[in-house]
Amino acid sequence: MTENPRDRDGEGRARNARPRDGLGRPLPYGATGVERQPEGVVRSPAETVREAQALLDAGKPFHAHEVFEDAWKSGPEEERALWRGMAQLAVGLTHAARGNTAGGARLLLRGAGGIAPYRDPHGLDIGGLVAWARELAARVDASEDTAGGGTVRGVDAAREAPRLT
């Protein structure tokens, strides 16, 4: 009987140690990947926004989504929907950059809807982010319609990165 090749932590939860590229896609074992964000880090809102912006600017929206996810899971209850929406925007950009236009558009719109009720908390430009997400969602969704069944190229994640503040 062969052992299960999946990586597990000390508590038996799956932890995939495969290296990943800047968009979070797994690479072959032994390949050089992008350093992953540590999980479960508690940051101040300002640190969250600053770190996520740097990752977005570097074309690493998958990693930015992990920063937002930490804020979502560790933040106060009244801000969980805000940080979840921000994570959805980042993962929507991730999917759009990977060429998954339908999934990217859907997540961008879901994230925009999640953050829309907020009024610029922590210096976030909610109106600008909602407009950015809706515009990008419309653009990537339209690119799928013109693909004609061929391979859909993703957007450039760094060039499309939003300004958070």
C-alpha atoms as a PDB file:
ATOM      1  CA  MET A   1       0.000   0.000   0.000  1.00  0.00           C
ATOM      2  CA  THR A   2       1.419   3.394  -0.938  1.00  0.00           C
ATOM      3  CA  GLU A   3       1.388   6.409   1.364  1.00  0.00           C
ATOM      4  CA  ASN A   4      -0.774   9.407   0.591  1.00  0.00           C
ATOM      5  CA  PRO A   5       1.577  11.922  -1.072  1.00  0.00           C
ATOM      6  CA  ARG A   6      -0.429  14.934   0.177  1.00  0.00           C
ATOM      7  CA  ASP A   7       1.341  17.216   2.593  1.00  0.00           C
ATOM      8  CA  ARG A   8      -0.221  17.362   6.072  1.00  0.00           C
ATOM      9  CA  ASP A   9       0.386  19.608   9.049  1.00  0.00           C
ATOM     10  CA  GLY A  10       0.755  18.368  12.627  1.00  0.00           C
ATOM     11  CA  GLU A  11      -3.023  18.238  13.039  1.00  0.00           C
ATOM     12  CA  GLY A  12      -3.568  16.248   9.847  1.00  0.00           C
ATOM     13  CA  ARG A  13      -4.925  19.131   7.736  1.00  0.00           C
ATOM     14  CA  ALA A  14      -3.837  19.192   4.118  1.00  0.00           C
ATOM     15  CA  ARG A  15      -1.039  21.680   3.447  1.00  0.00           C
ATOM     16  CA  ASN A  16       0.128  21.668  -0.135  1.00  0.00           C
ATOM     17  CA  ALA A  17       3.834  22.487  -0.084  1.00  0.00           C
ATOM     18  CA  ARG A  18       4.134  22.622  -3.861  1.00  0.00           C
ATOM     19  CA  PRO A  19       5.693  25.853  -5.060  1.00  0.00           C
ATOM     20  CA  ARG A  20       3.323  28.324  -6.681  1.00  0.00           C
ATOM     21  CA  ASP A  21       3.654  31.044  -9.285  1.00  0.00           C
ATOM     22  CA  GLY A  22       2.679  34.681  -8.767  1.00  0.00           C
ATOM     23  CA  LEU A  23      -0.963  33.884  -9.550  1.00  0.00           C
ATOM     24  CA  GLY A  24      -1.074  31.032  -7.037  1.00  0.00           C
ATOM     25  CA  ARG A  25      -0.984  28.230  -9.611  1.00  0.00           C
ATOM     26  CA  PRO A  26       0.880  25.137  -8.421  1.00  0.00           C
ATOM     27  CA  LEU A  27       4.226  24.434 -10.033  1.00  0.00           C
ATOM     28  CA  PRO A  28       6.004  21.066 -10.169  1.00  0.00           C
ATOM     29  CA  TYR A  29       7.760  19.975  -6.982  1.00  0.00           C
ATOM     30  CA  GLY A  30      11.329  21.265  -7.022  1.00  0.00           C
ATOM     31  CA  ALA A  31      10.514  24.296  -9.187  1.00  0.00           C
ATOM     32  CA  THR A  32      11.303  27.761  -7.920  1.00  0.00           C
ATOM     33  CA  GLY A  33       8.090  29.491  -6.975  1.00  0.00           C
ATOM     34  CA  VAL A  34       6.948  32.696  -5.360  1.00  0.00           C
ATOM     35  CA  GLU A  35       7.126  32.762  -1.576  1.00  0.00           C
ATOM     36  CA  ARG A  36       3.691  32.214  -0.104  1.00  0.00           C
ATOM     37  CA  GLN A  37       2.031  34.504   2.372  1.00  0.00           C
ATOM     38  CA  PRO A  38       2.037  33.148   5.903  1.00  0.00           C
ATOM     39  CA  GLU A  39      -1.450  32.180   7.050  1.00  0.00           C
ATOM     40  CA  GLY A  40      -3.254  33.493  10.101  1.00  0.00           C
ATOM     41  CA  VAL A  41      -1.289  36.724  10.480  1.00  0.00           C
ATOM     42  CA  VAL A  42      -3.132  39.375  12.452  1.00  0.00           C
ATOM     43  CA  ARG A  43      -2.405  42.803  10.978  1.00  0.00           C
ATOM     44  CA  SER A  44      -3.825  46.223  11.624  1.00  0.00           C
ATOM     45  CA  PRO A  45      -6.176  47.469   8.895  1.00  0.00           C
ATOM     46  CA  ALA A  46      -3.454  49.894   7.720  1.00  0.00           C
ATOM     47  CA  GLU A  47      -0.914  47.050   7.509  1.00  0.00           C
ATOM     48  CA  THR A  48      -3.438  44.904   5.643  1.00  0.00           C
ATOM     49  CA  VAL A  49      -4.097  47.608   3.057  1.00  0.00           C
ATOM     50  CA  ARG A  50      -0.391  48.464   2.677  1.00  0.00           C
ATOM     51  CA  GLU A  51       0.714  44.838   2.256  1.00  0.00           C
ATOM     52  CA  ALA A  52      -2.143  43.962  -0.103  1.00  0.00           C
ATOM     53  CA  GLN A  53      -1.417  47.024  -2.268  1.00  0.00           C
ATOM     54  CA  ALA A  54       2.248  46.061  -2.576  1.00  0.00           C
ATOM     55  CA  LEU A  55       1.272  42.540  -3.646  1.00  0.00           C
ATOM     56  CA  LEU A  56      -1.305  43.810  -6.143  1.00  0.00           C
ATOM     57  CA  ASP A  57       1.235  46.248  -7.602  1.00  0.00           C
ATOM     58  CA  ALA A  58       3.676  43.339  -7.989  1.00  0.00           C
ATOM     59  CA  GLY A  59       1.104  41.347  -9.994  1.00  0.00           C
ATOM     60  CA  LYS A  60       0.362  38.933  -7.130  1.00  0.00           C
ATOM     61  CA  PRO A  61      -3.378  39.241  -6.529  1.00  0.00           C
ATOM     62  CA  PHE A  62      -3.594  35.658  -5.215  1.00  0.00           C
ATOM     63  CA  HIS A  63      -1.198  36.586  -2.434  1.00  0.00           C
ATOM     64  CA  ALA A  64      -3.105  39.834  -1.767  1.00  0.00           C
ATOM     65  CA  HIS A  65      -6.285  37.782  -1.379  1.00  0.00           C
ATOM     66  CA  GLU A  66      -4.567  35.773   1.367  1.00  0.00           C
ATOM     67  CA  VAL A  67      -3.739  39.003   3.230  1.00  0.00           C
ATOM     68  CA  PHE A  68      -7.373  40.108   2.979  1.00  0.00           C
ATOM     69  CA  GLU A  69      -8.511  36.652   4.058  1.00  0.00           C
ATOM     70  CA  ASP A  70      -6.470  36.979   7.254  1.00  0.00           C
ATOM     71  CA  ALA A  71      -8.219  40.306   7.987  1.00  0.00           C
ATOM     72  CA  TRP A  72     -11.590  38.725   7.218  1.00  0.00           C
ATOM     73  CA  LYS A  73     -10.980  35.874   9.637  1.00  0.00           C
ATOM     74  CA  SER A  74      -9.347  37.881  12.445  1.00  0.00           C
ATOM     75  CA  GLY A  75     -11.121  41.226  12.207  1.00  0.00           C
ATOM     76  CA  PRO A  76     -14.164  42.478  14.054  1.00  0.00           C
ATOM     77  CA  GLU A  77     -17.504  40.972  13.070  1.00  0.00           C
ATOM     78  CA  GLU A  78     -18.780  44.266  11.625  1.00  0.00           C
ATOM     79  CA  GLU A  79     -15.896  44.338   9.109  1.00  0.00           C
ATOM     80  CA  ARG A  80     -15.880  40.709   8.011  1.00  0.00           C
ATOM     81  CA  ALA A  81     -18.014  41.391   4.929  1.00  0.00           C
ATOM     82  CA  LEU A  82     -15.658  44.240   3.970  1.00  0.00           C
ATOM     83  CA  TRP A  83     -12.537  42.086   4.105  1.00  0.00           C
ATOM     84  CA  ARG A  84     -14.310  39.126   2.473  1.00  0.00           C
ATOM     85  CA  GLY A  85     -15.342  41.450  -0.375  1.00  0.00           C
ATOM     86  CA  MET A  86     -11.774  42.731  -0.702  1.00  0.00           C
ATOM     87  CA  ALA A  87     -10.526  39.129  -0.847  1.00  0.00           C
ATOM     88  CA  GLN A  88     -13.097  38.402  -3.568  1.00  0.00           C
ATOM     89  CA  LEU A  89     -11.863  41.380  -5.599  1.00  0.00           C
ATOM     90  CA  ALA A  90      -8.289  40.086  -5.386  1.00  0.00           C
ATOM     91  CA  VAL A  91      -9.223  36.515  -6.266  1.00  0.00           C
ATOM     92  CA  GLY A  92     -11.451  37.823  -9.071  1.00  0.00           C
ATOM     93  CA  LEU A  93      -8.406  39.582 -10.518  1.00  0.00           C
ATOM     94  CA  THR A  94      -6.452  36.345 -10.006  1.00  0.00           C
ATOM     95  CA  HIS A  95      -8.976  34.362 -12.058  1.00  0.00           C
ATOM     96  CA  ALA A  96      -9.134  37.041 -14.752  1.00  0.00           C
ATOM     97  CA  ALA A  97      -5.331  36.977 -14.995  1.00  0.00           C
ATOM     98  CA  ARG A  98      -5.349  33.174 -15.262  1.00  0.00           C
ATOM     99  CA  GLY A  99      -7.784  33.415 -18.182  1.00  0.00           C
ATOM    100  CA  ASN A 100     -10.868  32.269 -16.255  1.00  0.00           C
ATOM    101  CA  THR A 101     -12.906  35.234 -17.445  1.00  0.00           C
ATOM    102  CA  ALA A 102     -16.346  34.029 -16.332  1.00  0.00           C
ATOM    103  CA  GLY A 103     -15.164  33.148 -12.832  1.00  0.00           C
ATOM    104  CA  GLY A 104     -13.122  36.324 -12.593  1.00  0.00           C
ATOM    105  CA  ALA A 105     -16.047  38.526 -13.609  1.00  0.00           C
ATOM    106  CA  ARG A 106     -18.372  36.753 -11.174  1.00  0.00           C
ATOM    107  CA  LEU A 107     -15.976  37.202  -8.236  1.00  0.00           C
ATOM    108  CA  LEU A 108     -15.242  40.821  -9.106  1.00  0.00           C
ATOM    109  CA  LEU A 109     -18.958  41.604  -9.074  1.00  0.00           C
ATOM    110  CA  ARG A 110     -19.546  39.636  -5.878  1.00  0.00           C
ATOM    111  CA  GLY A 111     -16.685  41.484  -4.175  1.00  0.00           C
ATOM    112  CA  ALA A 112     -17.954  44.857  -5.409  1.00  0.00           C
ATOM    113  CA  GLY A 113     -21.374  44.069  -3.966  1.00  0.00           C
ATOM    114  CA  GLY A 114     -19.825  43.038  -0.664  1.00  0.00           C
ATOM    115  CA  ILE A 115     -17.865  46.239  -0.156  1.00  0.00           C
ATOM    116  CA  ALA A 116     -20.398  48.704  -1.642  1.00  0.00           C
ATOM    117  CA  PRO A 117     -22.277  49.336   1.644  1.00  0.00           C
ATOM    118  CA  TYR A 118     -19.108  50.583   3.372  1.00  0.00           C
ATOM    119  CA  ARG A 119     -18.100  54.249   3.383  1.00  0.00           C
ATOM    120  CA  ASP A 120     -14.310  54.331   2.845  1.00  0.00           C
ATOM    121  CA  PRO A 121     -13.172  52.565   6.037  1.00  0.00           C
ATOM    122  CA  HIS A 122      -9.442  52.556   6.731  1.00  0.00           C
ATOM    123  CA  GLY A 123      -8.845  54.925   3.819  1.00  0.00           C
ATOM    124  CA  LEU A 124     -10.152  52.419   1.256  1.00  0.00           C
ATOM    125  CA  ASP A 125     -11.634  54.076  -1.836  1.00  0.00           C
ATOM    126  CA  ILE A 126     -14.812  52.007  -1.908  1.00  0.00           C
ATOM    127  CA  GLY A 127     -16.413  53.958  -4.771  1.00  0.00           C
ATOM    128  CA  GLY A 128     -13.267  53.667  -6.875  1.00  0.00           C
ATOM    129  CA  LEU A 129     -12.879  49.962  -6.108  1.00  0.00           C
ATOM    130  CA  VAL A 130     -16.503  49.202  -6.977  1.00  0.00           C
ATOM    131  CA  ALA A 131     -16.166  51.104 -10.268  1.00  0.00           C
ATOM    132  CA  TRP A 132     -12.852  49.353 -11.044  1.00  0.00           C
ATOM    133  CA  ALA A 133     -14.334  45.899 -10.329  1.00  0.00           C
ATOM    134  CA  ARG A 134     -17.439  46.474 -12.423  1.00  0.00           C
ATOM    135  CA  GLU A 135     -15.447  47.872 -15.357  1.00  0.00           C
ATOM    136  CA  LEU A 136     -12.920  45.027 -15.295  1.00  0.00           C
ATOM    137  CA  ALA A 137     -15.685  42.430 -14.905  1.00  0.00           C
ATOM    138  CA  ALA A 138     -17.480  43.808 -17.956  1.00  0.00           C
ATOM    139  CA  ARG A 139     -14.261  43.859 -19.956  1.00  0.00           C
ATOM    140  CA  VAL A 140     -13.143  40.313 -19.103  1.00  0.00           C
ATOM    141  CA  ASP A 141     -16.664  38.958 -19.505  1.00  0.00           C
ATOM    142  CA  ALA A 142     -16.829  40.531 -22.979  1.00  0.00           C
ATOM    143  CA  SER A 143     -13.440  39.000 -23.864  1.00  0.00           C
ATOM    144  CA  GLU A 144     -14.938  35.556 -23.304  1.00  0.00           C
ATOM    145  CA  ASP A 145     -17.705  36.296 -25.803  1.00  0.00           C
ATOM    146  CA  THR A 146     -15.159  37.127 -28.500  1.00  0.00           C
ATOM    147  CA  ALA A 147     -12.892  34.168 -27.784  1.00  0.00           C
ATOM    148  CA  GLY A 148     -14.705  31.948 -30.285  1.00  0.00           C
ATOM    149  CA  GLY A 149     -13.949  28.796 -28.350  1.00  0.00           C
ATOM    150  CA  GLY A 150     -10.190  29.409 -28.389  1.00  0.00           C
ATOM    151  CA  THR A 151      -7.884  29.971 -25.472  1.00  0.00           C
ATOM    152  CA  VAL A 152      -8.710  33.109 -23.545  1.00  0.00           C
ATOM    153  CA  ARG A 153      -5.661  35.076 -22.487  1.00  0.00           C
ATOM    154  CA  GLY A 154      -5.747  36.555 -19.041  1.00  0.00           C
ATOM    155  CA  VAL A 155      -5.339  40.184 -18.168  1.00  0.00           C
ATOM    156  CA  ASP A 156      -2.036  41.541 -16.862  1.00  0.00           C
ATOM    157  CA  ALA A 157      -2.546  41.435 -13.083  1.00  0.00           C
ATOM    158  CA  ALA A 158      -0.007  44.168 -12.276  1.00  0.00           C
ATOM    159  CA  ARG A 159      -1.311  46.534 -14.952  1.00  0.00           C
ATOM    160  CA  GLU A 160      -4.925  45.950 -13.883  1.00  0.00           C
ATOM    161  CA  ALA A 161      -4.226  46.250 -10.145  1.00  0.00           C
ATOM    162  CA  PRO A 162      -6.565  48.723  -8.446  1.00  0.00           C
ATOM    163  CA  ARG A 163      -5.548  51.554  -6.143  1.00  0.00           C
ATOM    164  CA  LEU A 164      -6.967  50.610  -2.766  1.00  0.00           C
ATOM    165  CA  THR A 165      -6.874  54.108  -1.268  1.00  0.00           C
END
